[in-house]
Amino acid sequence: MKEPVREWLIFGAFATVLLAGVIAYWLPSCEGGSRWQFGQAIHETRQFLSGLSTYHQMFGHYPDGDSATIMNALMGDNPTHTPILVPSRGATNQAGGWLDPWGTPYEVIVPPSIEIARKRSGPVLQQGSPVVKSAGPNKRFGDPDDIVMDWNKLTSSNKLP
């Protein structure tokens, strides 16, 4: 008869090694960021675009203002006080800006409306596609590690390794 304690010790050691291997594979360092951080930032920028689309459908336009004001509008500071988007990680700063996985506020750019035609009733306005950006692991906007999402090219400028 085998000792049950010994079998559990062997199983526990095997499970520990297996778990360590999985973690080592899925969370390698990647220019200062893990796969999880890049994946989370990509997911959240897509969430923002979805929230902005919902806001546009509800109110006929995108929210105005800086990134924090736009985020606050999506989180319920809007005409109907309806939360459209709630930060999944709860990471916000004092101004209400939602922080990316590296602790930098996301940047949201909503182009102004432009007149595309004129009718008797007045101008016909069209608003451009919003853009949501994460500064990436180096916390600086405008370089190759940024994650940039918009409806026209729903892609990331930084591919997961």
C-alpha atoms as a PDB file:
ATOM      1  CA  MET A   1       0.000   0.000   0.000  1.00  0.00           C
ATOM      2  CA  LYS A   2       1.381   3.378  -1.042  1.00  0.00           C
ATOM      3  CA  GLU A   3       1.590   6.266   1.325  1.00  0.00           C
ATOM      4  CA  PRO A   4      -1.064   8.919   0.389  1.00  0.00           C
ATOM      5  CA  VAL A   5       1.088  11.746   1.742  1.00  0.00           C
ATOM      6  CA  ARG A   6       3.960  10.857  -0.586  1.00  0.00           C
ATOM      7  CA  GLU A   7       1.640  10.774  -3.619  1.00  0.00           C
ATOM      8  CA  TRP A   8       0.250  14.209  -2.748  1.00  0.00           C
ATOM      9  CA  LEU A   9       3.760  15.619  -2.302  1.00  0.00           C
ATOM     10  CA  ILE A  10       4.777  14.358  -5.739  1.00  0.00           C
ATOM     11  CA  PHE A  11       1.554  15.694  -7.272  1.00  0.00           C
ATOM     12  CA  GLY A  12       2.035  19.068  -5.521  1.00  0.00           C
ATOM     13  CA  ALA A  13       5.633  19.352  -6.735  1.00  0.00           C
ATOM     14  CA  PHE A  14       4.573  18.521 -10.302  1.00  0.00           C
ATOM     15  CA  ALA A  15       1.717  21.035 -10.188  1.00  0.00           C
ATOM     16  CA  THR A  16       4.045  23.744  -8.843  1.00  0.00           C
ATOM     17  CA  VAL A  17       6.582  23.193 -11.624  1.00  0.00           C
ATOM     18  CA  LEU A  18       3.810  23.175 -14.231  1.00  0.00           C
ATOM     19  CA  LEU A  19       2.293  26.400 -12.878  1.00  0.00           C
ATOM     20  CA  ALA A  20       5.714  28.092 -12.785  1.00  0.00           C
ATOM     21  CA  GLY A  21       6.255  27.115 -16.429  1.00  0.00           C
ATOM     22  CA  VAL A  22       2.887  28.532 -17.484  1.00  0.00           C
ATOM     23  CA  ILE A  23       3.572  31.791 -15.643  1.00  0.00           C
ATOM     24  CA  ALA A  24       7.074  32.030 -17.116  1.00  0.00           C
ATOM     25  CA  TYR A  25       5.620  31.571 -20.616  1.00  0.00           C
ATOM     26  CA  TRP A  26       2.677  33.986 -20.351  1.00  0.00           C
ATOM     27  CA  LEU A  27       4.285  36.839 -18.415  1.00  0.00           C
ATOM     28  CA  PRO A  28       7.683  37.478 -19.977  1.00  0.00           C
ATOM     29  CA  SER A  29       9.065  40.975 -19.873  1.00  0.00           C
ATOM     30  CA  CYS A  30       8.407  42.779 -23.121  1.00  0.00           C
ATOM     31  CA  GLU A  31      10.033  46.214 -23.249  1.00  0.00           C
ATOM     32  CA  GLY A  32       8.920  46.919 -19.703  1.00  0.00           C
ATOM     33  CA  GLY A  33       5.500  45.335 -20.012  1.00  0.00           C
ATOM     34  CA  SER A  34       4.093  41.864 -19.677  1.00  0.00           C
ATOM     35  CA  ARG A  35       1.720  40.169 -22.080  1.00  0.00           C
ATOM     36  CA  TRP A  36      -1.022  40.706 -19.520  1.00  0.00           C
ATOM     37  CA  GLN A  37      -0.385  44.477 -19.430  1.00  0.00           C
ATOM     38  CA  PHE A  38      -0.405  44.795 -23.221  1.00  0.00           C
ATOM     39  CA  GLY A  39      -3.486  42.590 -23.488  1.00  0.00           C
ATOM     40  CA  GLN A  40      -5.259  44.587 -20.776  1.00  0.00           C
ATOM     41  CA  ALA A  41      -4.433  47.916 -22.456  1.00  0.00           C
ATOM     42  CA  ILE A  42      -5.673  46.642 -25.829  1.00  0.00           C
ATOM     43  CA  HIS A  43      -8.867  45.345 -24.206  1.00  0.00           C
ATOM     44  CA  GLU A  44      -9.487  48.618 -22.368  1.00  0.00           C
ATOM     45  CA  THR A  45      -8.886  50.825 -25.430  1.00  0.00           C
ATOM     46  CA  ARG A  46     -11.456  48.715 -27.288  1.00  0.00           C
ATOM     47  CA  GLN A  47     -13.845  49.116 -24.329  1.00  0.00           C
ATOM     48  CA  PHE A  48     -13.454  52.893 -24.600  1.00  0.00           C
ATOM     49  CA  LEU A  49     -14.307  52.841 -28.281  1.00  0.00           C
ATOM     50  CA  SER A  50     -17.369  50.733 -27.567  1.00  0.00           C
ATOM     51  CA  GLY A  51     -18.399  53.116 -24.760  1.00  0.00           C
ATOM     52  CA  LEU A  52     -17.902  56.122 -27.037  1.00  0.00           C
ATOM     53  CA  SER A  53     -20.042  54.457 -29.698  1.00  0.00           C
ATOM     54  CA  THR A  54     -22.803  53.808 -27.156  1.00  0.00           C
ATOM     55  CA  TYR A  55     -22.598  57.434 -25.961  1.00  0.00           C
ATOM     56  CA  HIS A  56     -22.892  58.626 -29.574  1.00  0.00           C
ATOM     57  CA  GLN A  57     -25.940  56.417 -30.134  1.00  0.00           C
ATOM     58  CA  MET A  58     -27.586  57.682 -26.931  1.00  0.00           C
ATOM     59  CA  PHE A  59     -26.897  61.409 -27.328  1.00  0.00           C
ATOM     60  CA  GLY A  60     -26.178  61.938 -31.049  1.00  0.00           C
ATOM     61  CA  HIS A  61     -22.603  63.118 -30.500  1.00  0.00           C
ATOM     62  CA  TYR A  62     -19.418  62.173 -28.677  1.00  0.00           C
ATOM     63  CA  PRO A  63     -18.617  63.752 -25.309  1.00  0.00           C
ATOM     64  CA  ASP A  64     -16.580  66.972 -25.365  1.00  0.00           C
ATOM     65  CA  GLY A  65     -13.540  67.945 -23.327  1.00  0.00           C
ATOM     66  CA  ASP A  66     -10.217  66.531 -22.254  1.00  0.00           C
ATOM     67  CA  SER A  67      -9.595  62.830 -21.657  1.00  0.00           C
ATOM     68  CA  ALA A  68     -10.694  62.920 -17.992  1.00  0.00           C
ATOM     69  CA  THR A  69     -13.919  64.797 -18.847  1.00  0.00           C
ATOM     70  CA  ILE A  70     -14.701  62.284 -21.594  1.00  0.00           C
ATOM     71  CA  MET A  71     -14.046  59.376 -19.201  1.00  0.00           C
ATOM     72  CA  ASN A  72     -16.295  60.978 -16.575  1.00  0.00           C
ATOM     73  CA  ALA A  73     -19.057  61.329 -19.187  1.00  0.00           C
ATOM     74  CA  LEU A  74     -18.750  57.612 -19.971  1.00  0.00           C
ATOM     75  CA  MET A  75     -18.798  56.764 -16.255  1.00  0.00           C
ATOM     76  CA  GLY A  76     -22.101  58.609 -15.687  1.00  0.00           C
ATOM     77  CA  ASP A  77     -21.459  62.366 -15.761  1.00  0.00           C
ATOM     78  CA  ASN A  78     -23.741  62.752 -18.779  1.00  0.00           C
ATOM     79  CA  PRO A  79     -27.262  64.153 -19.431  1.00  0.00           C
ATOM     80  CA  THR A  80     -29.025  60.995 -18.190  1.00  0.00           C
ATOM     81  CA  HIS A  81     -26.488  60.177 -15.445  1.00  0.00           C
ATOM     82  CA  THR A  82     -26.173  56.709 -16.979  1.00  0.00           C
ATOM     83  CA  PRO A  83     -22.885  54.852 -16.502  1.00  0.00           C
ATOM     84  CA  ILE A  84     -21.898  53.582 -19.937  1.00  0.00           C
ATOM     85  CA  LEU A  85     -18.450  52.336 -18.993  1.00  0.00           C
ATOM     86  CA  VAL A  86     -16.996  51.349 -15.623  1.00  0.00           C
ATOM     87  CA  PRO A  87     -13.245  50.817 -15.263  1.00  0.00           C
ATOM     88  CA  SER A  88     -12.678  47.070 -14.915  1.00  0.00           C
ATOM     89  CA  ARG A  89      -9.641  47.506 -12.698  1.00  0.00           C
ATOM     90  CA  GLY A  90     -10.946  50.589 -10.911  1.00  0.00           C
ATOM     91  CA  ALA A  91      -7.700  52.427 -11.726  1.00  0.00           C
ATOM     92  CA  THR A  92      -8.475  56.142 -12.009  1.00  0.00           C
ATOM     93  CA  ASN A  93      -6.590  59.269 -11.022  1.00  0.00           C
ATOM     94  CA  GLN A  94      -7.817  62.332  -9.062  1.00  0.00           C
ATOM     95  CA  ALA A  95      -9.142  64.014 -12.226  1.00  0.00           C
ATOM     96  CA  GLY A  96     -11.175  60.920 -13.147  1.00  0.00           C
ATOM     97  CA  GLY A  97      -8.896  59.750 -15.937  1.00  0.00           C
ATOM     98  CA  TRP A  98      -8.733  55.989 -16.348  1.00  0.00           C
ATOM     99  CA  LEU A  99      -5.176  54.684 -15.922  1.00  0.00           C
ATOM    100  CA  ASP A 100      -3.590  52.152 -18.240  1.00  0.00           C
ATOM    101  CA  PRO A 101      -1.821  49.077 -16.763  1.00  0.00           C
ATOM    102  CA  TRP A 102       1.392  51.116 -16.392  1.00  0.00           C
ATOM    103  CA  GLY A 103      -0.318  53.906 -14.401  1.00  0.00           C
ATOM    104  CA  THR A 104      -0.563  56.545 -17.148  1.00  0.00           C
ATOM    105  CA  PRO A 105      -3.969  58.074 -17.986  1.00  0.00           C
ATOM    106  CA  TYR A 106      -5.400  56.975 -21.310  1.00  0.00           C
ATOM    107  CA  GLU A 107      -5.615  59.738 -23.889  1.00  0.00           C
ATOM    108  CA  VAL A 108      -8.935  60.098 -25.696  1.00  0.00           C
ATOM    109  CA  ILE A 109      -9.156  62.298 -28.771  1.00  0.00           C
ATOM    110  CA  VAL A 110     -12.557  63.134 -30.226  1.00  0.00           C
ATOM    111  CA  PRO A 111     -12.289  65.164 -33.450  1.00  0.00           C
ATOM    112  CA  PRO A 112     -14.582  68.202 -33.665  1.00  0.00           C
ATOM    113  CA  SER A 113     -17.664  68.149 -35.853  1.00  0.00           C
ATOM    114  CA  ILE A 114     -17.202  69.490 -39.364  1.00  0.00           C
ATOM    115  CA  GLU A 115     -19.782  70.833 -41.776  1.00  0.00           C
ATOM    116  CA  ILE A 116     -20.182  68.399 -44.681  1.00  0.00           C
ATOM    117  CA  ALA A 117     -23.225  70.006 -46.336  1.00  0.00           C
ATOM    118  CA  ARG A 118     -25.702  72.836 -45.936  1.00  0.00           C
ATOM    119  CA  LYS A 119     -29.475  72.460 -46.108  1.00  0.00           C
ATOM    120  CA  ARG A 120     -32.326  74.906 -45.615  1.00  0.00           C
ATOM    121  CA  SER A 121     -32.614  73.733 -42.019  1.00  0.00           C
ATOM    122  CA  GLY A 122     -28.954  74.489 -41.383  1.00  0.00           C
ATOM    123  CA  PRO A 123     -25.552  72.831 -41.625  1.00  0.00           C
ATOM    124  CA  VAL A 124     -25.143  69.061 -41.741  1.00  0.00           C
ATOM    125  CA  LEU A 125     -22.375  68.126 -39.335  1.00  0.00           C
ATOM    126  CA  GLN A 126     -20.260  65.005 -39.185  1.00  0.00           C
ATOM    127  CA  GLN A 127     -17.911  64.051 -36.394  1.00  0.00           C
ATOM    128  CA  GLY A 128     -14.688  62.136 -37.046  1.00  0.00           C
ATOM    129  CA  SER A 129     -13.732  58.840 -35.463  1.00  0.00           C
ATOM    130  CA  PRO A 130     -12.442  58.985 -31.862  1.00  0.00           C
ATOM    131  CA  VAL A 131      -8.984  57.687 -30.992  1.00  0.00           C
ATOM    132  CA  VAL A 132      -7.948  56.091 -27.681  1.00  0.00           C
ATOM    133  CA  LYS A 133      -4.266  55.829 -26.739  1.00  0.00           C
ATOM    134  CA  SER A 134      -2.169  54.172 -24.050  1.00  0.00           C
ATOM    135  CA  ALA A 135       1.372  55.500 -23.635  1.00  0.00           C
ATOM    136  CA  GLY A 136       2.635  51.947 -23.114  1.00  0.00           C
ATOM    137  CA  PRO A 137       5.342  50.751 -20.728  1.00  0.00           C
ATOM    138  CA  ASN A 138       7.601  53.795 -21.070  1.00  0.00           C
ATOM    139  CA  LYS A 139       4.705  56.125 -20.098  1.00  0.00           C
ATOM    140  CA  ARG A 140       5.420  58.544 -22.983  1.00  0.00           C
ATOM    141  CA  PHE A 141       3.029  59.214 -25.861  1.00  0.00           C
ATOM    142  CA  GLY A 142       4.243  59.382 -29.439  1.00  0.00           C
ATOM    143  CA  ASP A 143       6.655  56.462 -29.726  1.00  0.00           C
ATOM    144  CA  PRO A 144       6.487  52.849 -30.977  1.00  0.00           C
ATOM    145  CA  ASP A 145       5.330  51.245 -27.711  1.00  0.00           C
ATOM    146  CA  ASP A 146       2.035  53.224 -27.703  1.00  0.00           C
ATOM    147  CA  ILE A 147      -1.217  51.332 -28.096  1.00  0.00           C
ATOM    148  CA  VAL A 148      -3.513  53.302 -30.415  1.00  0.00           C
ATOM    149  CA  MET A 149      -7.079  52.286 -31.265  1.00  0.00           C
ATOM    150  CA  ASP A 150      -9.715  53.858 -33.513  1.00  0.00           C
ATOM    151  CA  TRP A 151     -12.679  52.577 -35.519  1.00  0.00           C
ATOM    152  CA  ASN A 152     -10.955  53.086 -38.858  1.00  0.00           C
ATOM    153  CA  LYS A 153      -8.052  50.798 -37.968  1.00  0.00           C
ATOM    154  CA  LEU A 154      -8.952  48.758 -34.927  1.00  0.00           C
ATOM    155  CA  THR A 155      -5.384  47.603 -34.422  1.00  0.00           C
ATOM    156  CA  SER A 156      -2.576  48.116 -31.977  1.00  0.00           C
ATOM    157  CA  SER A 157       0.672  49.779 -32.963  1.00  0.00           C
ATOM    158  CA  ASN A 158       2.426  47.318 -30.639  1.00  0.00           C
ATOM    159  CA  LYS A 159       1.922  43.622 -31.285  1.00  0.00           C
ATOM    160  CA  LEU A 160       2.059  41.129 -28.438  1.00  0.00           C
ATOM    161  CA  PRO A 161       5.242  39.027 -28.531  1.00  0.00           C
END
